[in-house]
Amino acid sequence: MADTFAKYHCNYCEEDVNGLRVRCLECEDFDLCLQCFACGAEIGKHKSGHSYQFMAGVFQDTGNFSIFPGQGHWTAREEVRLLDAIEQYGYGNWEDIARHIETRTPDEARNKYISSYIDGSIGKATWKPALERLQLPIEHATVSETGPLSPTLGSSLPQQPHSTEENTILGYMPHRDDFEREFDNDAETMIAPLFIHPVDDEDIDIALKLTQVDMYMRRLRERSRRKRVVRDFQIVPQFFKKEREKAQVPPKKKSKDDREAVAEKLRAISQFQTASEHHNLITSMVKERELKTRIRELLRRKNKGNAE
């Protein structure tokens, strides 16, 4: 009967513990409050690595105790519901989060999460180290504005001037910078029927739908990449230029020169380079061929001269 009305105190800070406490399973009669336990408090023979067990306070039902005393009297059950709702609905959807908690308003849920898990001790101990690990050194990134790592790398290319007739043939809409029929034109059908029901959908259903969205985004990136290659290499203007030349001058059969032959062989890798890089590569390889041919000719003449 005495244990029923017993009071517990923290063996580290000597404060009374009326709510949840942590009992060491390796030290005799050793209890810690949640704050001291979270700080890894050690005293005497007790070490922070010892086995432990959470113990409820006197006359308290599981989940009705307070983890953060003095912060709006949030119970442990409400804390768990808050974190579960943020994981399920995402940060910022406070209306849905409040409905999940059932006993708190959207403003209370928002203020609680920010004060305890972002600005509080938990946030300071977790967010800051995580952000520091994500930060990348930038002292070596201050290169030329036209360098390979410059901000212009991801910028959109200027619109290409085409006549109205050419735009009609291409199905190109210059004001939208889009085509009536894009590469992989049916990609949107993958996500068109998708609709997420946060309450009714199970975790596996949501995961499947998110996977479909990820697949769609990959196809969308490939579409943008191909469009950028077309822009960078001026493929459309070259096409119309050749069409006009065919209409004006009858085609003549001619043998390919070295540059055309090299360009034909390297066409497959052009998508992995910019137009200027690809042009320089072709020029270098043609020059290499010419030098090798010249060297072989000089060696032949040298050997012929020695023989004579």
C-alpha atoms as a PDB file:
ATOM      1  CA  MET A   1       0.000   0.000   0.000  1.00  0.00           C
ATOM      2  CA  ALA A   2       2.933   2.304   0.712  1.00  0.00           C
ATOM      3  CA  ASP A   3       4.122   2.003  -2.897  1.00  0.00           C
ATOM      4  CA  THR A   4       0.751   3.235  -4.115  1.00  0.00           C
ATOM      5  CA  PHE A   5       1.306   6.681  -2.596  1.00  0.00           C
ATOM      6  CA  ALA A   6       5.099   6.716  -3.048  1.00  0.00           C
ATOM      7  CA  LYS A   7       6.703   9.810  -4.572  1.00  0.00           C
ATOM      8  CA  TYR A   8       9.597   9.529  -6.954  1.00  0.00           C
ATOM      9  CA  HIS A   9      12.447  11.953  -7.461  1.00  0.00           C
ATOM     10  CA  CYS A  10      15.237  12.243 -10.005  1.00  0.00           C
ATOM     11  CA  ASN A  11      18.518  10.917  -8.595  1.00  0.00           C
ATOM     12  CA  TYR A  12      20.429  13.466 -10.666  1.00  0.00           C
ATOM     13  CA  CYS A  13      18.616  16.804 -10.257  1.00  0.00           C
ATOM     14  CA  GLU A  14      16.737  15.777  -7.061  1.00  0.00           C
ATOM     15  CA  GLU A  15      13.442  17.132  -8.464  1.00  0.00           C
ATOM     16  CA  ASP A  16      10.176  15.286  -7.825  1.00  0.00           C
ATOM     17  CA  VAL A  17       8.918  13.264 -10.782  1.00  0.00           C
ATOM     18  CA  ASN A  18       5.129  13.186 -11.016  1.00  0.00           C
ATOM     19  CA  GLY A  19       4.873  12.038 -14.625  1.00  0.00           C
ATOM     20  CA  LEU A  20       6.824   9.626 -16.741  1.00  0.00           C
ATOM     21  CA  ARG A  21      10.246   8.677 -15.407  1.00  0.00           C
ATOM     22  CA  VAL A  22      13.128   6.468 -16.531  1.00  0.00           C
ATOM     23  CA  ARG A  23      14.267   3.621 -14.269  1.00  0.00           C
ATOM     24  CA  CYS A  24      17.752   2.159 -14.627  1.00  0.00           C
ATOM     25  CA  LEU A  25      17.661  -1.643 -14.777  1.00  0.00           C
ATOM     26  CA  GLU A  26      21.304  -2.025 -13.760  1.00  0.00           C
ATOM     27  CA  CYS A  27      21.447   0.358 -10.783  1.00  0.00           C
ATOM     28  CA  GLU A  28      19.463  -0.263  -7.603  1.00  0.00           C
ATOM     29  CA  ASP A  29      16.570   2.165  -7.020  1.00  0.00           C
ATOM     30  CA  PHE A  30      17.776   4.708  -9.581  1.00  0.00           C
ATOM     31  CA  ASP A  31      15.312   6.977 -11.421  1.00  0.00           C
ATOM     32  CA  LEU A  32      15.803   9.889 -13.816  1.00  0.00           C
ATOM     33  CA  CYS A  33      13.420  12.555 -15.069  1.00  0.00           C
ATOM     34  CA  LEU A  34      13.023  12.802 -18.833  1.00  0.00           C
ATOM     35  CA  GLN A  35      15.114  15.970 -19.096  1.00  0.00           C
ATOM     36  CA  CYS A  36      18.133  14.455 -17.318  1.00  0.00           C
ATOM     37  CA  PHE A  37      17.742  11.200 -19.244  1.00  0.00           C
ATOM     38  CA  ALA A  38      17.696  13.101 -22.560  1.00  0.00           C
ATOM     39  CA  CYS A  39      20.934  14.885 -21.582  1.00  0.00           C
ATOM     40  CA  GLY A  40      22.657  11.551 -20.876  1.00  0.00           C
ATOM     41  CA  ALA A  41      23.123  12.322 -17.183  1.00  0.00           C
ATOM     42  CA  GLU A  42      25.645  10.126 -15.319  1.00  0.00           C
ATOM     43  CA  ILE A  43      26.268  10.074 -11.578  1.00  0.00           C
ATOM     44  CA  GLY A  44      28.013   7.584  -9.315  1.00  0.00           C
ATOM     45  CA  LYS A  45      27.889   4.079 -10.765  1.00  0.00           C
ATOM     46  CA  HIS A  46      25.158   4.985 -13.236  1.00  0.00           C
ATOM     47  CA  LYS A  47      26.204   5.322 -16.885  1.00  0.00           C
ATOM     48  CA  SER A  48      24.161   6.620 -19.794  1.00  0.00           C
ATOM     49  CA  GLY A  49      24.567   3.315 -21.627  1.00  0.00           C
ATOM     50  CA  HIS A  50      22.757   1.282 -18.964  1.00  0.00           C
ATOM     51  CA  SER A  51      19.536  -0.549 -19.782  1.00  0.00           C
ATOM     52  CA  TYR A  52      16.414   1.373 -18.813  1.00  0.00           C
ATOM     53  CA  GLN A  53      12.640   1.208 -18.624  1.00  0.00           C
ATOM     54  CA  PHE A  54       9.988   3.912 -18.828  1.00  0.00           C
ATOM     55  CA  MET A  55       7.749   4.044 -15.770  1.00  0.00           C
ATOM     56  CA  ALA A  56       4.393   5.841 -15.490  1.00  0.00           C
ATOM     57  CA  GLY A  57       3.630   8.172 -12.595  1.00  0.00           C
ATOM     58  CA  VAL A  58       1.225   7.576  -9.722  1.00  0.00           C
ATOM     59  CA  PHE A  59      -2.430   7.133 -10.772  1.00  0.00           C
ATOM     60  CA  GLN A  60      -1.585   8.045 -14.394  1.00  0.00           C
ATOM     61  CA  ASP A  61      -2.941   6.150 -17.346  1.00  0.00           C
ATOM     62  CA  THR A  62      -0.517   5.388 -20.131  1.00  0.00           C
ATOM     63  CA  GLY A  63      -0.233   8.377 -22.462  1.00  0.00           C
ATOM     64  CA  ASN A  64      -1.835  10.930 -20.147  1.00  0.00           C
ATOM     65  CA  PHE A  65       1.406  12.209 -18.646  1.00  0.00           C
ATOM     66  CA  SER A  66       3.243  15.306 -19.881  1.00  0.00           C
ATOM     67  CA  ILE A  67       6.635  15.032 -21.590  1.00  0.00           C
ATOM     68  CA  PHE A  68       7.295  18.779 -21.667  1.00  0.00           C
ATOM     69  CA  PRO A  69       5.920  20.255 -18.414  1.00  0.00           C
ATOM     70  CA  GLY A  70       4.627  23.820 -18.634  1.00  0.00           C
ATOM     71  CA  GLN A  71       4.115  23.893 -22.417  1.00  0.00           C
ATOM     72  CA  GLY A  72       0.348  23.901 -22.745  1.00  0.00           C
ATOM     73  CA  HIS A  73      -0.116  20.640 -20.825  1.00  0.00           C
ATOM     74  CA  TRP A  74       0.285  18.439 -23.883  1.00  0.00           C
ATOM     75  CA  THR A  75      -0.026  14.756 -23.011  1.00  0.00           C
ATOM     76  CA  ALA A  76       2.292  12.106 -24.393  1.00  0.00           C
ATOM     77  CA  ARG A  77      -0.579  10.736 -26.461  1.00  0.00           C
ATOM     78  CA  GLU A  78      -1.081  14.149 -28.066  1.00  0.00           C
ATOM     79  CA  GLU A  79       2.657  14.464 -28.729  1.00  0.00           C
ATOM     80  CA  VAL A  80       2.681  11.114 -30.528  1.00  0.00           C
ATOM     81  CA  ARG A  81      -0.413  12.046 -32.539  1.00  0.00           C
ATOM     82  CA  LEU A  82       1.207  15.368 -33.498  1.00  0.00           C
ATOM     83  CA  LEU A  83       4.378  13.715 -34.812  1.00  0.00           C
ATOM     84  CA  ASP A  84       2.413  10.968 -36.533  1.00  0.00           C
ATOM     85  CA  ALA A  85       0.173  13.536 -38.258  1.00  0.00           C
ATOM     86  CA  ILE A  86       3.117  15.640 -39.471  1.00  0.00           C
ATOM     87  CA  GLU A  87       4.727  12.523 -40.919  1.00  0.00           C
ATOM     88  CA  GLN A  88       1.466  11.546 -42.612  1.00  0.00           C
ATOM     89  CA  TYR A  89       0.165  14.908 -43.874  1.00  0.00           C
ATOM     90  CA  GLY A  90       3.382  16.896 -44.123  1.00  0.00           C
ATOM     91  CA  TYR A  91       4.589  20.030 -42.361  1.00  0.00           C
ATOM     92  CA  GLY A  92       2.200  22.953 -42.820  1.00  0.00           C
ATOM     93  CA  ASN A  93      -1.077  21.036 -43.217  1.00  0.00           C
ATOM     94  CA  TRP A  94      -2.191  22.127 -39.767  1.00  0.00           C
ATOM     95  CA  GLU A  95      -5.924  21.669 -40.413  1.00  0.00           C
ATOM     96  CA  ASP A  96      -5.471  17.963 -41.160  1.00  0.00           C
ATOM     97  CA  ILE A  97      -2.953  17.629 -38.341  1.00  0.00           C
ATOM     98  CA  ALA A  98      -5.380  19.152 -35.823  1.00  0.00           C
ATOM     99  CA  ARG A  99      -8.142  16.792 -36.961  1.00  0.00           C
ATOM    100  CA  HIS A 100      -5.783  13.864 -36.430  1.00  0.00           C
ATOM    101  CA  ILE A 101      -4.913  15.006 -32.885  1.00  0.00           C
ATOM    102  CA  GLU A 102      -8.636  15.637 -32.189  1.00  0.00           C
ATOM    103  CA  THR A 103      -8.039  17.730 -29.031  1.00  0.00           C
ATOM    104  CA  ARG A 104      -5.992  20.649 -30.419  1.00  0.00           C
ATOM    105  CA  THR A 105      -6.540  23.547 -32.811  1.00  0.00           C
ATOM    106  CA  PRO A 106      -4.356  24.131 -35.903  1.00  0.00           C
ATOM    107  CA  ASP A 107      -2.616  27.095 -34.223  1.00  0.00           C
ATOM    108  CA  GLU A 108      -1.884  25.058 -31.098  1.00  0.00           C
ATOM    109  CA  ALA A 109      -0.427  22.235 -33.186  1.00  0.00           C
ATOM    110  CA  ARG A 110       1.757  24.633 -35.164  1.00  0.00           C
ATOM    111  CA  ASN A 111       3.027  26.512 -32.105  1.00  0.00           C
ATOM    112  CA  LYS A 112       3.708  23.274 -30.246  1.00  0.00           C
ATOM    113  CA  TYR A 113       5.767  21.736 -33.036  1.00  0.00           C
ATOM    114  CA  ILE A 114       7.817  24.887 -33.596  1.00  0.00           C
ATOM    115  CA  SER A 115       8.469  25.549 -29.893  1.00  0.00           C
ATOM    116  CA  SER A 116       9.337  21.955 -28.944  1.00  0.00           C
ATOM    117  CA  TYR A 117      10.732  20.294 -32.064  1.00  0.00           C
ATOM    118  CA  ILE A 118      12.335  23.171 -33.987  1.00  0.00           C
ATOM    119  CA  ASP A 119      13.243  25.978 -31.577  1.00  0.00           C
ATOM    120  CA  GLY A 120      13.348  23.716 -28.502  1.00  0.00           C
ATOM    121  CA  SER A 121      16.152  21.511 -27.205  1.00  0.00           C
ATOM    122  CA  ILE A 122      15.171  18.630 -29.493  1.00  0.00           C
ATOM    123  CA  GLY A 123      15.306  20.840 -32.568  1.00  0.00           C
ATOM    124  CA  LYS A 124      18.646  22.373 -31.592  1.00  0.00           C
ATOM    125  CA  ALA A 125      20.130  18.916 -31.026  1.00  0.00           C
ATOM    126  CA  THR A 126      18.879  17.446 -34.308  1.00  0.00           C
ATOM    127  CA  TRP A 127      18.215  20.094 -36.971  1.00  0.00           C
ATOM    128  CA  LYS A 128      21.466  22.043 -36.695  1.00  0.00           C
ATOM    129  CA  PRO A 129      23.829  19.024 -36.994  1.00  0.00           C
ATOM    130  CA  ALA A 130      21.734  17.670 -39.868  1.00  0.00           C
ATOM    131  CA  LEU A 131      21.876  20.984 -41.738  1.00  0.00           C
ATOM    132  CA  GLU A 132      25.621  21.278 -41.166  1.00  0.00           C
ATOM    133  CA  ARG A 133      26.135  17.860 -42.737  1.00  0.00           C
ATOM    134  CA  LEU A 134      24.157  18.961 -45.791  1.00  0.00           C
ATOM    135  CA  GLN A 135      26.095  22.183 -46.314  1.00  0.00           C
ATOM    136  CA  LEU A 136      28.656  22.019 -49.120  1.00  0.00           C
ATOM    137  CA  PRO A 137      31.799  24.179 -49.349  1.00  0.00           C
ATOM    138  CA  ILE A 138      31.325  27.007 -51.832  1.00  0.00           C
ATOM    139  CA  GLU A 139      34.729  28.677 -51.751  1.00  0.00           C
ATOM    140  CA  HIS A 140      35.768  26.848 -54.953  1.00  0.00           C
ATOM    141  CA  ALA A 141      32.522  27.569 -56.792  1.00  0.00           C
ATOM    142  CA  THR A 142      33.216  31.244 -57.520  1.00  0.00           C
ATOM    143  CA  VAL A 143      34.271  30.669 -61.117  1.00  0.00           C
ATOM    144  CA  SER A 144      33.625  32.562 -64.294  1.00  0.00           C
ATOM    145  CA  GLU A 145      29.999  33.370 -65.065  1.00  0.00           C
ATOM    146  CA  THR A 146      30.335  31.400 -68.287  1.00  0.00           C
ATOM    147  CA  GLY A 147      32.164  28.466 -66.697  1.00  0.00           C
ATOM    148  CA  PRO A 148      30.816  24.885 -66.580  1.00  0.00           C
ATOM    149  CA  LEU A 149      29.451  25.426 -63.052  1.00  0.00           C
ATOM    150  CA  SER A 150      28.012  28.882 -63.669  1.00  0.00           C
ATOM    151  CA  PRO A 151      24.374  29.830 -62.923  1.00  0.00           C
ATOM    152  CA  THR A 152      23.710  29.935 -66.656  1.00  0.00           C
ATOM    153  CA  LEU A 153      24.108  26.158 -66.834  1.00  0.00           C
ATOM    154  CA  GLY A 154      20.502  25.480 -65.861  1.00  0.00           C
ATOM    155  CA  SER A 155      18.950  28.548 -67.454  1.00  0.00           C
ATOM    156  CA  SER A 156      16.593  28.168 -70.386  1.00  0.00           C
ATOM    157  CA  LEU A 157      17.910  28.817 -73.862  1.00  0.00           C
ATOM    158  CA  PRO A 158      16.531  31.746 -75.868  1.00  0.00           C
ATOM    159  CA  GLN A 159      13.616  31.066 -78.162  1.00  0.00           C
ATOM    160  CA  GLN A 160      14.612  30.204 -81.712  1.00  0.00           C
ATOM    161  CA  PRO A 161      13.181  32.386 -84.478  1.00  0.00           C
ATOM    162  CA  HIS A 162      10.987  30.380 -86.837  1.00  0.00           C
ATOM    163  CA  SER A 163       8.556  31.586 -89.425  1.00  0.00           C
ATOM    164  CA  THR A 164       4.836  31.128 -88.896  1.00  0.00           C
ATOM    165  CA  GLU A 165       4.818  28.388 -91.517  1.00  0.00           C
ATOM    166  CA  GLU A 166       7.654  26.541 -89.801  1.00  0.00           C
ATOM    167  CA  ASN A 167       5.934  26.842 -86.424  1.00  0.00           C
ATOM    168  CA  THR A 168       2.793  25.343 -87.940  1.00  0.00           C
ATOM    169  CA  ILE A 169       4.734  22.427 -89.403  1.00  0.00           C
ATOM    170  CA  LEU A 170       6.452  21.785 -86.068  1.00  0.00           C
ATOM    171  CA  GLY A 171       3.322  22.295 -84.010  1.00  0.00           C
ATOM    172  CA  TYR A 172       5.393  24.774 -82.003  1.00  0.00           C
ATOM    173  CA  MET A 173       3.776  27.398 -79.751  1.00  0.00           C
ATOM    174  CA  PRO A 174       6.429  30.121 -79.268  1.00  0.00           C
ATOM    175  CA  HIS A 175       4.656  31.994 -76.472  1.00  0.00           C
ATOM    176  CA  ARG A 176       4.448  28.835 -74.371  1.00  0.00           C
ATOM    177  CA  ASP A 177       7.758  27.464 -75.655  1.00  0.00           C
ATOM    178  CA  ASP A 178       6.012  24.116 -76.119  1.00  0.00           C
ATOM    179  CA  PHE A 179       5.071  21.697 -78.855  1.00  0.00           C
ATOM    180  CA  GLU A 180       1.598  20.368 -79.574  1.00  0.00           C
ATOM    181  CA  ARG A 181       3.074  16.902 -79.414  1.00  0.00           C
ATOM    182  CA  GLU A 182       6.015  16.447 -77.061  1.00  0.00           C
ATOM    183  CA  PHE A 183       8.487  13.625 -76.685  1.00  0.00           C
ATOM    184  CA  ASP A 184       6.849  10.775 -74.731  1.00  0.00           C
ATOM    185  CA  ASN A 185       3.562  12.568 -75.225  1.00  0.00           C
ATOM    186  CA  ASP A 186       1.532  10.068 -73.201  1.00  0.00           C
ATOM    187  CA  ALA A 187       3.594  10.447 -70.013  1.00  0.00           C
ATOM    188  CA  GLU A 188       0.838  12.429 -68.274  1.00  0.00           C
ATOM    189  CA  THR A 189      -1.594   9.521 -68.529  1.00  0.00           C
ATOM    190  CA  MET A 190       0.403   7.791 -65.796  1.00  0.00           C
ATOM    191  CA  ILE A 191      -0.616  10.316 -63.128  1.00  0.00           C
ATOM    192  CA  ALA A 192      -3.885  11.650 -64.553  1.00  0.00           C
ATOM    193  CA  PRO A 193      -6.139   9.306 -62.511  1.00  0.00           C
ATOM    194  CA  LEU A 194      -4.116   9.607 -59.300  1.00  0.00           C
ATOM    195  CA  PHE A 195      -5.741  11.101 -56.233  1.00  0.00           C
ATOM    196  CA  ILE A 196      -4.430  10.753 -52.691  1.00  0.00           C
ATOM    197  CA  HIS A 197      -6.946  10.204 -49.906  1.00  0.00           C
ATOM    198  CA  PRO A 198      -4.947  10.863 -46.700  1.00  0.00           C
ATOM    199  CA  VAL A 199      -7.609   9.265 -44.521  1.00  0.00           C
ATOM    200  CA  ASP A 200      -8.676   6.270 -46.621  1.00  0.00           C
ATOM    201  CA  ASP A 201      -5.398   5.325 -48.315  1.00  0.00           C
ATOM    202  CA  GLU A 202      -3.091   2.883 -46.588  1.00  0.00           C
ATOM    203  CA  ASP A 203       0.655   3.488 -46.445  1.00  0.00           C
ATOM    204  CA  ILE A 204       1.307   1.042 -49.271  1.00  0.00           C
ATOM    205  CA  ASP A 205      -1.241   2.827 -51.498  1.00  0.00           C
ATOM    206  CA  ILE A 206       0.376   6.210 -50.872  1.00  0.00           C
ATOM    207  CA  ALA A 207       3.849   4.744 -51.488  1.00  0.00           C
ATOM    208  CA  LEU A 208       2.677   3.254 -54.795  1.00  0.00           C
ATOM    209  CA  LYS A 209       1.193   6.566 -55.938  1.00  0.00           C
ATOM    210  CA  LEU A 210       4.343   8.463 -54.975  1.00  0.00           C
ATOM    211  CA  THR A 211       6.384   5.941 -56.967  1.00  0.00           C
ATOM    212  CA  GLN A 212       4.209   6.648 -60.009  1.00  0.00           C
ATOM    213  CA  VAL A 213       4.776  10.380 -59.554  1.00  0.00           C
ATOM    214  CA  ASP A 214       8.534   9.770 -59.347  1.00  0.00           C
ATOM    215  CA  MET A 215       8.409   7.749 -62.583  1.00  0.00           C
ATOM    216  CA  TYR A 216       6.507  10.584 -64.253  1.00  0.00           C
ATOM    217  CA  MET A 217       9.069  13.151 -63.092  1.00  0.00           C
ATOM    218  CA  ARG A 218      11.870  11.044 -64.593  1.00  0.00           C
ATOM    219  CA  ARG A 219      10.062  10.962 -67.939  1.00  0.00           C
ATOM    220  CA  LEU A 220       9.480  14.710 -67.699  1.00  0.00           C
ATOM    221  CA  ARG A 221      13.192  15.345 -67.085  1.00  0.00           C
ATOM    222  CA  GLU A 222      14.071  13.218 -70.111  1.00  0.00           C
ATOM    223  CA  ARG A 223      11.628  15.252 -72.210  1.00  0.00           C
ATOM    224  CA  SER A 224      13.252  18.512 -71.060  1.00  0.00           C
ATOM    225  CA  ARG A 225      16.729  17.110 -71.697  1.00  0.00           C
ATOM    226  CA  ARG A 226      15.885  16.177 -75.265  1.00  0.00           C
ATOM    227  CA  LYS A 227      14.285  19.557 -75.902  1.00  0.00           C
ATOM    228  CA  ARG A 228      17.437  21.228 -74.606  1.00  0.00           C
ATOM    229  CA  VAL A 229      19.645  19.136 -76.897  1.00  0.00           C
ATOM    230  CA  VAL A 230      17.493  20.188 -79.855  1.00  0.00           C
ATOM    231  CA  ARG A 231      17.894  23.831 -78.851  1.00  0.00           C
ATOM    232  CA  ASP A 232      21.611  23.656 -78.104  1.00  0.00           C
ATOM    233  CA  PHE A 233      22.561  21.927 -81.367  1.00  0.00           C
ATOM    234  CA  GLN A 234      20.155  24.029 -83.472  1.00  0.00           C
ATOM    235  CA  ILE A 235      18.649  20.864 -84.926  1.00  0.00           C
ATOM    236  CA  VAL A 236      15.388  22.464 -86.063  1.00  0.00           C
ATOM    237  CA  PRO A 237      17.016  25.382 -87.973  1.00  0.00           C
ATOM    238  CA  GLN A 238      19.429  22.914 -89.578  1.00  0.00           C
ATOM    239  CA  PHE A 239      16.497  20.741 -90.654  1.00  0.00           C
ATOM    240  CA  PHE A 240      14.644  23.617 -92.324  1.00  0.00           C
ATOM    241  CA  LYS A 241      17.880  24.892 -93.876  1.00  0.00           C
ATOM    242  CA  LYS A 242      18.504  21.524 -95.520  1.00  0.00           C
ATOM    243  CA  GLU A 243      14.891  21.335 -96.662  1.00  0.00           C
ATOM    244  CA  ARG A 244      15.189  24.741 -98.332  1.00  0.00           C
ATOM    245  CA  GLU A 245      18.473  23.744 -99.988  1.00  0.00           C
ATOM    246  CA  LYS A 246      16.876  20.567-101.322  1.00  0.00           C
ATOM    247  CA  ALA A 247      14.031  22.578-102.813  1.00  0.00           C
ATOM    248  CA  GLN A 248      16.364  25.075-104.497  1.00  0.00           C
ATOM    249  CA  VAL A 249      19.219  22.856-105.704  1.00  0.00           C
ATOM    250  CA  PRO A 250      18.828  19.290-107.001  1.00  0.00           C
ATOM    251  CA  PRO A 251      20.671  16.851-104.743  1.00  0.00           C
ATOM    252  CA  LYS A 252      24.097  15.689-105.868  1.00  0.00           C
ATOM    253  CA  LYS A 253      25.851  12.604-104.687  1.00  0.00           C
ATOM    254  CA  LYS A 254      29.117  13.407-103.040  1.00  0.00           C
ATOM    255  CA  SER A 255      31.514  11.505-100.845  1.00  0.00           C
ATOM    256  CA  LYS A 256      31.696  12.452 -97.213  1.00  0.00           C
ATOM    257  CA  ASP A 257      34.770  14.398 -96.151  1.00  0.00           C
ATOM    258  CA  ASP A 258      36.665  13.590 -92.966  1.00  0.00           C
ATOM    259  CA  ARG A 259      34.687  16.007 -90.844  1.00  0.00           C
ATOM    260  CA  GLU A 260      31.328  14.598 -91.914  1.00  0.00           C
ATOM    261  CA  ALA A 261      32.541  11.045 -91.319  1.00  0.00           C
ATOM    262  CA  VAL A 262      33.765  11.866 -87.809  1.00  0.00           C
ATOM    263  CA  ALA A 263      30.584  13.789 -87.009  1.00  0.00           C
ATOM    264  CA  GLU A 264      28.497  10.814 -88.123  1.00  0.00           C
ATOM    265  CA  LYS A 265      30.393   8.448 -85.812  1.00  0.00           C
ATOM    266  CA  LEU A 266      30.188  10.815 -82.834  1.00  0.00           C
ATOM    267  CA  ARG A 267      26.516  11.683 -83.242  1.00  0.00           C
ATOM    268  CA  ALA A 268      25.473   9.258 -80.482  1.00  0.00           C
ATOM    269  CA  ILE A 269      27.520  11.038 -77.812  1.00  0.00           C
ATOM    270  CA  SER A 270      26.476  14.562 -78.813  1.00  0.00           C
ATOM    271  CA  GLN A 271      23.603  14.457 -76.298  1.00  0.00           C
ATOM    272  CA  PHE A 272      26.109  14.344 -73.449  1.00  0.00           C
ATOM    273  CA  GLN A 273      27.927  17.533 -74.531  1.00  0.00           C
ATOM    274  CA  THR A 274      27.103  21.097 -75.373  1.00  0.00           C
ATOM    275  CA  ALA A 275      27.193  22.155 -79.011  1.00  0.00           C
ATOM    276  CA  SER A 276      30.508  23.999 -78.593  1.00  0.00           C
ATOM    277  CA  GLU A 277      32.115  21.055 -76.777  1.00  0.00           C
ATOM    278  CA  HIS A 278      30.957  18.662 -79.495  1.00  0.00           C
ATOM    279  CA  HIS A 279      32.205  20.978 -82.245  1.00  0.00           C
ATOM    280  CA  ASN A 280      35.635  21.233 -80.586  1.00  0.00           C
ATOM    281  CA  LEU A 281      35.820  17.443 -80.205  1.00  0.00           C
ATOM    282  CA  ILE A 282      35.093  16.882 -83.892  1.00  0.00           C
ATOM    283  CA  THR A 283      37.635  19.538 -84.908  1.00  0.00           C
ATOM    284  CA  SER A 284      40.299  17.954 -82.688  1.00  0.00           C
ATOM    285  CA  MET A 285      39.689  14.461 -84.048  1.00  0.00           C
ATOM    286  CA  VAL A 286      39.803  15.677 -87.659  1.00  0.00           C
ATOM    287  CA  LYS A 287      43.059  17.480 -86.894  1.00  0.00           C
ATOM    288  CA  GLU A 288      44.405  14.298 -85.305  1.00  0.00           C
ATOM    289  CA  ARG A 289      43.574  12.329 -88.449  1.00  0.00           C
ATOM    290  CA  GLU A 290      45.278  14.907 -90.659  1.00  0.00           C
ATOM    291  CA  LEU A 291      48.416  14.875 -88.511  1.00  0.00           C
ATOM    292  CA  LYS A 292      48.577  11.075 -88.515  1.00  0.00           C
ATOM    293  CA  THR A 293      48.173  11.026 -92.300  1.00  0.00           C
ATOM    294  CA  ARG A 294      50.906  13.652 -92.663  1.00  0.00           C
ATOM    295  CA  ILE A 295      53.248  11.715 -90.367  1.00  0.00           C
ATOM    296  CA  ARG A 296      52.703   8.494 -92.323  1.00  0.00           C
ATOM    297  CA  GLU A 297      53.434  10.358 -95.571  1.00  0.00           C
ATOM    298  CA  LEU A 298      56.654  11.837 -94.180  1.00  0.00           C
ATOM    299  CA  LEU A 299      57.778   8.435 -92.879  1.00  0.00           C
ATOM    300  CA  ARG A 300      57.055   6.887 -96.276  1.00  0.00           C
ATOM    301  CA  ARG A 301      59.119   9.533 -98.049  1.00  0.00           C
ATOM    302  CA  LYS A 302      61.918   9.158 -95.518  1.00  0.00           C
ATOM    303  CA  ASN A 303      62.056   5.394 -95.961  1.00  0.00           C
ATOM    304  CA  LYS A 304      61.906   5.780 -99.743  1.00  0.00           C
ATOM    305  CA  GLY A 305      64.785   8.251 -99.671  1.00  0.00           C
ATOM    306  CA  ASN A 306      66.915   5.923 -97.557  1.00  0.00           C
ATOM    307  CA  ALA A 307      66.199   3.056 -99.918  1.00  0.00           C
ATOM    308  CA  GLU A 308      67.339   5.068-102.916  1.00  0.00           C
END
